[in-house]
């Protein structure tokens, strides 16, 4: 079976999130450089600290432009008869297999950026942790949620236990 991709609008959502981080880092870099310049500090450390602040902001700026598209290519999920498989990551690609019988809670949610774009996240909670399928449209998120819930109840009826 082939991996399903998030909605293409997820790239825009990730880019907006990274843009917010970039703005915060840029403001901090400007503040650090302003404090160093106004303090009259005459050590070589001021160049190291100022350069580090500028590099951090620049790295986040590059990440804002490049990483969301790469992340979209790597992201995928499959909902099978007895498990959910999630593949994600940029440099270290992870493949997570979640048995449906182990799911304890299913949550469909939206953050402020995703609400504006009409995207949802599906969070699967297990005893061992939580896993998310991100960048789904409303129809897909509700469909997967109802599908998993019905499969879980069916498996519980078959096995007799949760």
N, C-alpha and C. Protein backbone atom coordinates (compact mmCIF):
# COMPACT_ATOMS: atom_id res chain seq x y z
N UNK A 1 0.84 -1.19 0.00
CA UNK A 1 0.00 0.00 0.00
C UNK A 1 0.88 1.25 0.00
N UNK A 2 0.42 2.29 -0.64
CA UNK A 2 1.20 3.51 -0.79
C UNK A 2 0.86 4.51 0.32
N UNK A 3 1.88 5.25 0.75
CA UNK A 3 1.68 6.25 1.79
C UNK A 3 0.79 7.38 1.29
N UNK A 4 -0.12 7.82 2.16
CA UNK A 4 -0.94 8.99 1.90
C UNK A 4 -0.15 10.22 2.33
N UNK A 5 -0.28 11.30 1.60
CA UNK A 5 0.44 12.54 1.91
C UNK A 5 -0.49 13.50 2.65
N UNK A 6 0.09 14.40 3.44
CA UNK A 6 -0.73 15.47 4.02
C UNK A 6 -1.25 16.38 2.91
N UNK A 7 -2.19 17.21 3.27
CA UNK A 7 -2.71 18.21 2.34
C UNK A 7 -1.57 19.14 1.94
N UNK A 8 -1.48 19.55 0.68
CA UNK A 8 -0.38 20.45 0.25
C UNK A 8 -0.33 21.77 1.01
N UNK A 9 -1.45 22.18 1.61
CA UNK A 9 -1.44 23.41 2.41
C UNK A 9 -0.61 23.26 3.68
N UNK A 10 -0.24 22.04 4.02
CA UNK A 10 0.60 21.81 5.21
C UNK A 10 1.96 22.48 5.04
N UNK A 11 2.46 22.55 3.81
CA UNK A 11 3.75 23.21 3.56
C UNK A 11 3.66 24.68 3.98
N UNK A 12 2.56 25.31 3.62
CA UNK A 12 2.36 26.72 3.99
C UNK A 12 2.27 26.87 5.51
N UNK A 13 1.58 25.96 6.15
CA UNK A 13 1.45 25.99 7.62
C UNK A 13 2.82 25.85 8.29
N UNK A 14 3.62 24.90 7.83
CA UNK A 14 4.95 24.71 8.40
C UNK A 14 5.83 25.92 8.14
N UNK A 15 5.70 26.50 6.94
CA UNK A 15 6.49 27.68 6.60
C UNK A 15 6.11 28.87 7.49
N UNK A 16 4.83 29.04 7.76
CA UNK A 16 4.39 30.13 8.64
C UNK A 16 4.94 29.92 10.05
N UNK A 17 4.89 28.69 10.54
CA UNK A 17 5.45 28.39 11.86
C UNK A 17 6.93 28.69 11.95
N UNK A 18 7.66 28.31 10.92
CA UNK A 18 9.10 28.59 10.89
C UNK A 18 9.37 30.09 10.72
N UNK A 19 8.48 30.81 10.05
CA UNK A 19 8.62 32.26 9.90
C UNK A 19 8.48 32.96 11.25
N UNK A 20 7.57 32.49 12.06
CA UNK A 20 7.39 33.07 13.40
C UNK A 20 8.65 32.85 14.23
N UNK A 21 9.20 31.64 14.17
CA UNK A 21 10.45 31.35 14.88
C UNK A 21 11.58 32.24 14.35
N UNK A 22 11.64 32.42 13.03
CA UNK A 22 12.66 33.28 12.43
C UNK A 22 12.55 34.71 12.94
N UNK A 23 11.34 35.24 13.01
CA UNK A 23 11.14 36.62 13.49
C UNK A 23 11.59 36.77 14.93
N UNK A 24 11.29 35.77 15.76
CA UNK A 24 11.71 35.82 17.17
C UNK A 24 13.24 35.78 17.25
N UNK A 25 13.87 34.87 16.52
CA UNK A 25 15.34 34.77 16.54
C UNK A 25 15.99 36.03 15.98
N UNK A 26 15.41 36.61 14.94
CA UNK A 26 15.96 37.84 14.37
C UNK A 26 15.86 38.99 15.37
N UNK A 27 14.73 39.09 16.07
CA UNK A 27 14.57 40.14 17.08
C UNK A 27 15.58 39.96 18.21
N UNK A 28 15.79 38.69 18.64
CA UNK A 28 16.79 38.42 19.68
C UNK A 28 18.20 38.75 19.20
N UNK A 29 18.50 38.43 17.94
CA UNK A 29 19.83 38.72 17.40
C UNK A 29 20.07 40.23 17.35
N UNK A 30 19.06 40.97 16.93
CA UNK A 30 19.18 42.44 16.88
C UNK A 30 19.35 43.00 18.29
N UNK A 31 18.59 42.46 19.24
CA UNK A 31 18.70 42.93 20.62
C UNK A 31 20.09 42.64 21.20
N UNK A 32 20.61 41.45 20.95
CA UNK A 32 21.94 41.08 21.45
C UNK A 32 23.01 42.00 20.84
N UNK A 33 22.93 42.22 19.54
CA UNK A 33 23.92 43.08 18.88
C UNK A 33 23.81 44.52 19.39
N UNK A 34 22.57 44.99 19.60
CA UNK A 34 22.39 46.35 20.11
C UNK A 34 22.98 46.50 21.51
N UNK A 35 22.75 45.52 22.37
CA UNK A 35 23.29 45.56 23.73
C UNK A 35 24.82 45.53 23.70
N UNK A 36 25.38 44.70 22.85
CA UNK A 36 26.84 44.62 22.75
C UNK A 36 27.42 45.95 22.25
N UNK A 37 26.80 46.53 21.23
CA UNK A 37 27.32 47.80 20.67
C UNK A 37 27.16 48.96 21.66
N UNK A 38 26.02 49.01 22.33
CA UNK A 38 25.77 50.13 23.26
C UNK A 38 26.54 50.01 24.57
N UNK A 39 26.94 48.79 24.91
CA UNK A 39 27.65 48.60 26.17
C UNK A 39 29.12 49.03 26.10
N UNK A 40 29.64 49.14 24.89
CA UNK A 40 31.04 49.52 24.74
C UNK A 40 32.00 48.39 25.07
N UNK A 41 31.52 47.18 25.08
CA UNK A 41 32.33 46.01 25.39
C UNK A 41 33.38 45.84 24.30
N UNK A 42 34.64 45.75 24.67
CA UNK A 42 35.73 45.71 23.70
C UNK A 42 36.48 44.37 23.71
N UNK A 43 35.76 43.29 23.87
CA UNK A 43 36.38 41.97 23.87
C UNK A 43 36.09 41.27 22.54
N UNK A 44 36.92 40.30 22.20
CA UNK A 44 36.69 39.54 20.97
C UNK A 44 35.45 38.67 21.11
N UNK A 45 35.00 38.46 22.35
CA UNK A 45 33.80 37.66 22.58
C UNK A 45 32.56 38.32 21.98
N UNK A 46 32.56 39.64 21.87
CA UNK A 46 31.39 40.32 21.31
C UNK A 46 31.18 39.91 19.85
N UNK A 47 32.27 39.64 19.13
CA UNK A 47 32.14 39.19 17.75
C UNK A 47 31.59 37.76 17.69
N UNK A 48 32.04 36.93 18.62
CA UNK A 48 31.57 35.55 18.67
C UNK A 48 30.08 35.51 19.00
N UNK A 49 29.67 36.26 20.02
CA UNK A 49 28.27 36.26 20.44
C UNK A 49 27.38 36.89 19.36
N UNK A 50 27.81 38.03 18.83
CA UNK A 50 27.03 38.68 17.76
C UNK A 50 26.95 37.83 16.51
N UNK A 51 28.06 37.23 16.13
CA UNK A 51 28.07 36.34 14.96
C UNK A 51 27.21 35.12 15.16
N UNK A 52 27.23 34.57 16.38
CA UNK A 52 26.39 33.41 16.67
C UNK A 52 24.90 33.75 16.58
N UNK A 53 24.54 34.93 17.07
CA UNK A 53 23.14 35.36 16.99
C UNK A 53 22.71 35.54 15.53
N UNK A 54 23.59 36.13 14.73
CA UNK A 54 23.26 36.33 13.31
C UNK A 54 23.18 34.98 12.59
N UNK A 55 24.10 34.08 12.89
CA UNK A 55 24.07 32.75 12.25
C UNK A 55 22.82 31.97 12.62
N UNK A 56 22.38 32.06 13.88
CA UNK A 56 21.16 31.36 14.30
C UNK A 56 19.95 31.88 13.53
N UNK A 57 19.86 33.19 13.39
CA UNK A 57 18.75 33.77 12.64
C UNK A 57 18.83 33.40 11.16
N UNK A 58 20.02 33.42 10.59
CA UNK A 58 20.20 33.07 9.18
C UNK A 58 19.86 31.60 8.93
N UNK A 59 20.28 30.73 9.83
CA UNK A 59 19.97 29.30 9.69
C UNK A 59 18.46 29.06 9.73
N UNK A 60 17.77 29.77 10.62
CA UNK A 60 16.32 29.63 10.70
C UNK A 60 15.66 30.18 9.43
N UNK A 61 16.22 31.25 8.87
CA UNK A 61 15.70 31.80 7.61
C UNK A 61 15.83 30.81 6.47
N UNK A 62 16.96 30.15 6.40
CA UNK A 62 17.15 29.13 5.36
C UNK A 62 16.21 27.95 5.60
N UNK A 63 16.08 27.55 6.87
CA UNK A 63 15.18 26.44 7.21
C UNK A 63 13.74 26.78 6.83
N UNK A 64 13.37 28.04 7.02
CA UNK A 64 12.02 28.49 6.69
C UNK A 64 11.73 28.31 5.19
N UNK A 65 12.72 28.52 4.38
CA UNK A 65 12.53 28.43 2.93
C UNK A 65 12.62 27.01 2.39
N UNK A 66 13.50 26.20 2.95
CA UNK A 66 13.84 24.91 2.36
C UNK A 66 13.15 23.72 3.04
N UNK A 67 13.16 23.67 4.37
CA UNK A 67 12.74 22.48 5.08
C UNK A 67 11.27 22.08 4.93
N UNK A 68 10.31 23.01 4.87
CA UNK A 68 8.92 22.57 4.73
C UNK A 68 8.66 21.71 3.50
N UNK A 69 9.28 22.04 2.38
CA UNK A 69 9.07 21.25 1.16
C UNK A 69 9.69 19.87 1.29
N UNK A 70 10.87 19.79 1.91
CA UNK A 70 11.51 18.49 2.13
C UNK A 70 10.68 17.66 3.10
N UNK A 71 10.20 18.31 4.16
CA UNK A 71 9.39 17.63 5.16
C UNK A 71 8.12 17.06 4.52
N UNK A 72 7.52 17.81 3.62
CA UNK A 72 6.30 17.34 2.94
C UNK A 72 6.58 16.08 2.12
N UNK A 73 7.73 16.05 1.45
CA UNK A 73 8.08 14.87 0.66
C UNK A 73 8.28 13.64 1.52
N UNK A 74 8.77 13.82 2.74
CA UNK A 74 9.05 12.70 3.63
C UNK A 74 7.81 12.21 4.38
N UNK A 75 6.86 13.09 4.64
CA UNK A 75 5.70 12.76 5.46
C UNK A 75 4.77 11.82 4.72
N UNK A 76 4.28 10.82 5.44
CA UNK A 76 3.30 9.91 4.87
C UNK A 76 2.66 9.07 5.95
N UNK A 77 1.47 8.59 5.68
CA UNK A 77 0.78 7.72 6.63
C UNK A 77 -0.04 6.69 5.87
N UNK A 78 -0.25 5.55 6.51
CA UNK A 78 -1.09 4.48 5.97
C UNK A 78 -1.98 4.01 7.11
N UNK A 79 -3.28 3.89 6.84
CA UNK A 79 -4.20 3.31 7.80
C UNK A 79 -4.58 1.94 7.24
N UNK A 80 -4.07 0.89 7.89
CA UNK A 80 -4.35 -0.47 7.45
C UNK A 80 -5.40 -1.10 8.34
N UNK A 81 -5.69 -2.36 8.10
CA UNK A 81 -6.75 -3.06 8.83
C UNK A 81 -6.48 -3.14 10.33
N UNK A 82 -5.22 -3.35 10.72
CA UNK A 82 -4.90 -3.55 12.13
C UNK A 82 -3.85 -2.60 12.67
N UNK A 83 -3.38 -1.66 11.84
CA UNK A 83 -2.33 -0.75 12.31
C UNK A 83 -2.35 0.56 11.52
N UNK A 84 -1.68 1.55 12.10
CA UNK A 84 -1.45 2.83 11.44
C UNK A 84 0.07 2.98 11.32
N UNK A 85 0.54 3.33 10.14
CA UNK A 85 1.97 3.52 9.92
C UNK A 85 2.19 5.00 9.60
N UNK A 86 3.10 5.63 10.34
CA UNK A 86 3.43 7.03 10.11
C UNK A 86 4.92 7.13 9.78
N UNK A 87 5.23 7.79 8.67
CA UNK A 87 6.62 8.01 8.28
C UNK A 87 6.87 9.51 8.27
N UNK A 88 7.92 9.94 8.98
CA UNK A 88 8.21 11.38 9.03
C UNK A 88 9.67 11.60 9.38
N UNK A 89 10.11 12.83 9.22
CA UNK A 89 11.48 13.21 9.52
C UNK A 89 12.15 13.80 8.30
N UNK A 90 13.19 14.56 8.54
CA UNK A 90 13.92 15.17 7.43
C UNK A 90 15.27 14.50 7.27
N UNK A 91 16.10 14.58 8.29
CA UNK A 91 17.43 13.98 8.22
C UNK A 91 17.39 12.53 8.69
N UNK A 92 16.61 12.27 9.73
CA UNK A 92 16.44 10.92 10.24
C UNK A 92 14.97 10.56 10.05
N UNK A 93 14.69 9.77 9.05
CA UNK A 93 13.32 9.41 8.72
C UNK A 93 12.88 8.26 9.64
N UNK A 94 11.77 8.49 10.34
CA UNK A 94 11.24 7.50 11.27
C UNK A 94 9.98 6.87 10.70
N UNK A 95 9.84 5.60 10.93
CA UNK A 95 8.64 4.88 10.55
C UNK A 95 8.04 4.31 11.83
N UNK A 96 6.87 4.80 12.20
CA UNK A 96 6.22 4.39 13.44
C UNK A 96 5.02 3.52 13.09
N UNK A 97 4.95 2.35 13.70
CA UNK A 97 3.83 1.43 13.48
C UNK A 97 3.01 1.39 14.76
N UNK A 98 1.74 1.76 14.64
CA UNK A 98 0.85 1.84 15.80
C UNK A 98 -0.25 0.80 15.65
N UNK A 99 -0.27 -0.24 16.49
CA UNK A 99 -1.38 -1.21 16.44
C UNK A 99 -2.68 -0.53 16.87
N UNK A 100 -3.73 -0.71 16.10
CA UNK A 100 -5.00 -0.06 16.40
C UNK A 100 -5.52 -0.49 17.76
N UNK A 101 -5.30 -1.71 18.15
CA UNK A 101 -5.80 -2.21 19.43
C UNK A 101 -5.17 -1.48 20.63
N UNK A 102 -4.00 -0.84 20.41
CA UNK A 102 -3.31 -0.11 21.48
C UNK A 102 -3.75 1.35 21.62
N UNK A 103 -4.52 1.85 20.67
CA UNK A 103 -4.95 3.25 20.71
C UNK A 103 -5.95 3.43 21.85
N UNK A 104 -5.69 4.43 22.69
CA UNK A 104 -6.57 4.72 23.82
C UNK A 104 -7.44 5.94 23.59
N UNK A 105 -6.94 6.89 22.80
CA UNK A 105 -7.67 8.13 22.59
C UNK A 105 -7.33 8.68 21.20
N UNK A 106 -8.35 9.21 20.52
CA UNK A 106 -8.17 9.83 19.22
C UNK A 106 -8.67 11.26 19.32
N UNK A 107 -7.81 12.22 19.00
CA UNK A 107 -8.17 13.63 19.10
C UNK A 107 -7.94 14.30 17.75
N UNK A 108 -8.94 15.03 17.29
CA UNK A 108 -8.82 15.84 16.08
C UNK A 108 -8.74 17.29 16.56
N UNK A 109 -7.67 18.01 16.17
CA UNK A 109 -7.49 19.37 16.67
C UNK A 109 -6.95 20.30 15.60
N UNK A 110 -6.99 21.61 15.91
CA UNK A 110 -6.47 22.65 15.04
C UNK A 110 -5.78 23.70 15.89
N UNK A 111 -4.66 24.19 15.42
CA UNK A 111 -4.03 25.34 16.03
C UNK A 111 -4.48 26.59 15.29
N UNK A 112 -4.04 27.77 15.72
CA UNK A 112 -4.50 29.00 15.06
C UNK A 112 -4.07 29.11 13.59
N UNK A 113 -2.87 28.68 13.27
CA UNK A 113 -2.41 28.74 11.87
C UNK A 113 -3.20 27.75 11.03
N UNK A 114 -3.33 26.52 11.53
CA UNK A 114 -4.06 25.50 10.79
C UNK A 114 -5.54 25.84 10.66
N UNK A 115 -6.11 26.50 11.66
CA UNK A 115 -7.52 26.90 11.58
C UNK A 115 -7.71 27.86 10.40
N UNK A 116 -6.78 28.78 10.25
CA UNK A 116 -6.85 29.75 9.15
C UNK A 116 -6.73 29.06 7.79
N UNK A 117 -5.94 28.00 7.74
CA UNK A 117 -5.72 27.27 6.48
C UNK A 117 -6.70 26.12 6.28
N UNK A 118 -7.52 25.81 7.27
CA UNK A 118 -8.48 24.72 7.17
C UNK A 118 -7.84 23.34 7.31
N UNK A 119 -6.78 23.26 8.11
CA UNK A 119 -6.09 21.98 8.31
C UNK A 119 -6.31 21.45 9.73
N UNK A 120 -6.19 20.15 9.88
CA UNK A 120 -6.40 19.49 11.16
C UNK A 120 -5.24 18.55 11.46
N UNK A 121 -5.09 18.22 12.74
CA UNK A 121 -4.14 17.21 13.19
C UNK A 121 -4.92 16.10 13.87
N UNK A 122 -4.53 14.88 13.62
CA UNK A 122 -5.14 13.72 14.25
C UNK A 122 -4.12 13.16 15.22
N UNK A 123 -4.44 13.20 16.51
CA UNK A 123 -3.52 12.73 17.55
C UNK A 123 -3.99 11.39 18.07
N UNK A 124 -3.11 10.40 18.01
CA UNK A 124 -3.39 9.06 18.51
C UNK A 124 -2.62 8.87 19.81
N UNK A 125 -3.34 8.70 20.91
CA UNK A 125 -2.71 8.53 22.21
C UNK A 125 -2.69 7.06 22.60
N UNK A 126 -1.51 6.62 23.04
CA UNK A 126 -1.32 5.26 23.51
C UNK A 126 -0.75 5.33 24.92
N UNK A 127 -0.64 4.23 25.58
CA UNK A 127 -0.03 4.22 26.91
C UNK A 127 1.44 4.62 26.82
N UNK A 128 2.08 4.34 25.70
CA UNK A 128 3.51 4.62 25.55
C UNK A 128 3.80 6.02 25.02
N UNK A 129 2.78 6.78 24.62
CA UNK A 129 3.01 8.12 24.10
C UNK A 129 1.96 8.51 23.09
N UNK A 130 2.18 9.62 22.42
CA UNK A 130 1.24 10.13 21.43
C UNK A 130 1.92 10.27 20.08
N UNK A 131 1.11 10.11 19.04
CA UNK A 131 1.60 10.23 17.68
C UNK A 131 0.59 11.06 16.89
N UNK A 132 1.09 11.84 15.94
CA UNK A 132 0.22 12.74 15.20
C UNK A 132 0.32 12.51 13.70
N UNK A 133 -0.82 12.64 13.06
CA UNK A 133 -0.88 12.73 11.61
C UNK A 133 -1.27 14.17 11.34
N UNK A 134 -0.39 14.92 10.70
CA UNK A 134 -0.58 16.36 10.55
C UNK A 134 -1.01 16.72 9.13
N UNK A 135 -1.55 17.94 8.99
CA UNK A 135 -1.86 18.49 7.69
C UNK A 135 -3.01 17.81 6.97
N UNK A 136 -4.07 17.48 7.69
CA UNK A 136 -5.22 16.82 7.08
C UNK A 136 -6.35 17.82 6.88
N UNK A 137 -7.13 17.65 5.81
CA UNK A 137 -8.33 18.47 5.68
C UNK A 137 -9.40 17.88 6.60
N UNK A 138 -10.48 18.61 6.80
CA UNK A 138 -11.48 18.20 7.78
C UNK A 138 -12.11 16.85 7.43
N UNK A 139 -12.44 16.66 6.17
CA UNK A 139 -13.08 15.42 5.75
C UNK A 139 -12.18 14.21 6.01
N UNK A 140 -10.90 14.33 5.67
CA UNK A 140 -9.95 13.23 5.86
C UNK A 140 -9.74 12.95 7.35
N UNK A 141 -9.58 14.00 8.15
CA UNK A 141 -9.35 13.82 9.59
C UNK A 141 -10.54 13.12 10.25
N UNK A 142 -11.74 13.56 9.92
CA UNK A 142 -12.92 12.92 10.52
C UNK A 142 -13.11 11.51 10.00
N UNK A 143 -12.81 11.28 8.74
CA UNK A 143 -12.93 9.95 8.16
C UNK A 143 -11.97 8.96 8.83
N UNK A 144 -10.72 9.37 8.98
CA UNK A 144 -9.73 8.50 9.63
C UNK A 144 -10.13 8.25 11.08
N UNK A 145 -10.57 9.30 11.76
CA UNK A 145 -10.97 9.18 13.16
C UNK A 145 -12.12 8.18 13.33
N UNK A 146 -13.15 8.31 12.52
CA UNK A 146 -14.29 7.39 12.60
C UNK A 146 -13.90 5.98 12.19
N UNK A 147 -13.05 5.87 11.17
CA UNK A 147 -12.58 4.57 10.71
C UNK A 147 -11.80 3.84 11.81
N UNK A 148 -10.88 4.56 12.45
CA UNK A 148 -10.09 3.96 13.52
C UNK A 148 -10.97 3.58 14.71
N UNK A 149 -11.91 4.44 15.04
CA UNK A 149 -12.80 4.16 16.16
C UNK A 149 -13.63 2.91 15.90
N UNK A 150 -14.18 2.79 14.70
CA UNK A 150 -14.99 1.60 14.39
C UNK A 150 -14.14 0.34 14.36
N UNK A 151 -12.91 0.43 13.83
CA UNK A 151 -12.02 -0.73 13.82
C UNK A 151 -11.61 -1.13 15.24
N UNK A 152 -11.38 -0.14 16.08
CA UNK A 152 -11.00 -0.42 17.46
C UNK A 152 -12.15 -1.12 18.18
N UNK A 153 -13.37 -0.62 18.03
CA UNK A 153 -14.52 -1.25 18.67
C UNK A 153 -14.75 -2.66 18.13
N UNK A 154 -14.52 -2.84 16.84
CA UNK A 154 -14.67 -4.17 16.23
C UNK A 154 -13.66 -5.15 16.81
N UNK A 155 -12.40 -4.71 16.95
CA UNK A 155 -11.36 -5.56 17.52
C UNK A 155 -11.65 -5.89 18.99
N UNK A 156 -12.20 -4.93 19.71
CA UNK A 156 -12.54 -5.17 21.11
C UNK A 156 -13.65 -6.20 21.19
N UNK A 157 -14.64 -6.12 20.30
CA UNK A 157 -15.72 -7.14 20.30
C UNK A 157 -15.16 -8.51 19.98
N UNK A 158 -14.20 -8.59 19.04
CA UNK A 158 -13.60 -9.88 18.67
C UNK A 158 -12.80 -10.48 19.82
N UNK A 159 -11.96 -9.66 20.45
CA UNK A 159 -11.05 -10.14 21.49
C UNK A 159 -11.71 -10.16 22.86
N UNK A 160 -12.72 -9.31 23.07
CA UNK A 160 -13.39 -9.27 24.34
C UNK A 160 -12.74 -8.38 25.37
N UNK A 161 -11.60 -7.82 25.06
CA UNK A 161 -10.90 -6.93 25.98
C UNK A 161 -10.33 -5.74 25.21
N UNK A 162 -9.97 -4.72 25.94
CA UNK A 162 -9.34 -3.57 25.32
C UNK A 162 -7.89 -3.62 25.47
